[in-house]
Amino acid sequence: MSILCTLYLKDGIILASESRATHSIEQNGMKIITGRTDDLQKTFVIEDKRIGISFCDNAKVGKMLMDDFFEMLIISISERSKSPSPFTS
């Protein structure tokens, strides 16, 4: 189970999530937990773009876990925003 929370307030939006992840395999129709961690980042903020993203479940983009994907996405967006835009003078 994952807990994601979004609060819309007069002065802004608050995004929050817990950080537990469990790893499991299925054997003979039974789910067996093989490990857990309490430090998985599930909420990401791209401050200069005013974007917040939260996720849950064991989601992947290709072979990349979502937390790794979002970290790379944030770095990519931040690097692009540092280069001059062709639309500004």
Protein backbone atom coordinates (compact mmCIF):
# COMPACT_ATOMS: atom_id res chain seq x y z
CA MET A 1 0.00 0.00 0.00
CA SER A 2 1.22 3.50 -0.83
CA ILE A 3 0.06 6.76 0.65
CA LEU A 4 0.08 9.86 -1.55
CA CYS A 5 -1.42 13.13 -0.36
CA THR A 6 -2.13 16.39 -2.17
CA LEU A 7 -3.46 19.46 -0.39
CA TYR A 8 -4.75 22.49 -2.31
CA LEU A 9 -4.40 25.57 -0.11
CA LYS A 10 -4.89 29.29 -0.60
CA ASP A 11 -1.12 29.88 -0.86
CA GLY A 12 -0.12 26.80 -2.84
CA ILE A 13 -0.20 23.02 -3.17
CA ILE A 14 1.39 20.47 -0.83
CA LEU A 15 2.45 17.05 -2.17
CA ALA A 16 3.48 14.32 0.25
CA SER A 17 4.10 10.57 0.22
CA GLU A 18 5.49 7.87 2.44
CA SER A 19 8.74 6.15 1.42
CA ARG A 20 8.30 2.42 2.06
CA ALA A 21 8.76 -0.08 -0.76
CA THR A 22 8.51 -3.85 -0.58
CA HIS A 23 9.97 -6.26 -3.08
CA SER A 24 8.25 -9.56 -3.68
CA ILE A 25 8.18 -12.55 -5.97
CA GLU A 26 5.39 -14.98 -6.71
CA GLN A 27 6.00 -18.67 -6.15
CA ASN A 28 3.33 -21.34 -6.51
CA GLY A 29 0.64 -18.65 -6.58
CA MET A 30 1.80 -17.09 -3.30
CA LYS A 31 3.35 -13.66 -2.86
CA ILE A 32 6.64 -13.85 -0.96
CA ILE A 33 8.18 -10.61 0.32
CA THR A 34 11.91 -10.67 -0.41
CA GLY A 35 12.88 -7.27 0.94
CA ARG A 36 11.81 -3.80 1.93
CA THR A 37 13.23 -0.32 2.13
CA ASP A 38 12.08 2.87 3.84
CA ASP A 39 13.93 5.38 1.66
CA LEU A 40 12.22 5.28 -1.74
CA GLN A 41 11.45 8.77 -3.01
CA LYS A 42 7.91 8.86 -4.43
CA THR A 43 7.34 12.61 -4.71
CA PHE A 44 9.44 14.81 -6.99
CA VAL A 45 9.42 18.56 -7.56
CA ILE A 46 10.78 20.51 -10.52
CA GLU A 47 10.90 23.86 -8.78
CA ASP A 48 11.77 26.15 -11.68
CA LYS A 49 8.88 24.67 -13.71
CA ARG A 50 6.44 24.56 -10.76
CA ILE A 51 5.71 20.86 -11.34
CA GLY A 52 5.16 18.19 -8.71
CA ILE A 53 4.82 14.46 -9.45
CA SER A 54 4.02 11.56 -7.13
CA PHE A 55 3.81 7.87 -8.01
CA CYS A 56 2.98 4.56 -6.37
CA ASP A 57 3.25 0.87 -7.21
CA ASN A 58 6.19 -0.90 -8.81
CA ALA A 59 6.17 1.17 -11.96
CA LYS A 60 8.93 1.26 -14.55
CA VAL A 61 9.72 3.21 -17.69
CA GLY A 62 11.39 0.63 -19.89
CA LYS A 63 13.77 -1.10 -17.50
CA MET A 64 14.21 1.98 -15.29
CA LEU A 65 12.44 2.29 -11.92
CA MET A 66 10.25 5.37 -11.56
CA ASP A 67 12.39 7.09 -8.90
CA ASP A 68 15.48 6.80 -11.13
CA PHE A 69 13.46 7.97 -14.15
CA PHE A 70 12.15 11.07 -12.36
CA GLU A 71 15.60 11.97 -11.04
CA MET A 72 17.03 11.82 -14.58
CA LEU A 73 14.02 13.76 -15.94
CA ILE A 74 14.52 16.55 -13.39
CA ILE A 75 18.23 16.80 -14.22
CA SER A 76 17.44 16.89 -17.95
CA ILE A 77 14.78 19.60 -17.56
CA SER A 78 17.03 21.68 -15.31
CA GLU A 79 19.92 21.47 -17.78
CA ARG A 80 17.67 22.46 -20.68
CA SER A 81 16.27 25.45 -18.81
CA LYS A 82 19.84 26.78 -18.30
CA SER A 83 20.48 26.99 -22.04
CA PRO A 84 19.11 30.04 -23.87
CA SER A 85 15.67 29.66 -25.35
CA PRO A 86 15.21 30.39 -29.05
CA PHE A 87 11.92 32.07 -28.16
CA THR A 88 13.40 34.82 -25.96
CA SER A 89 15.32 37.83 -27.12
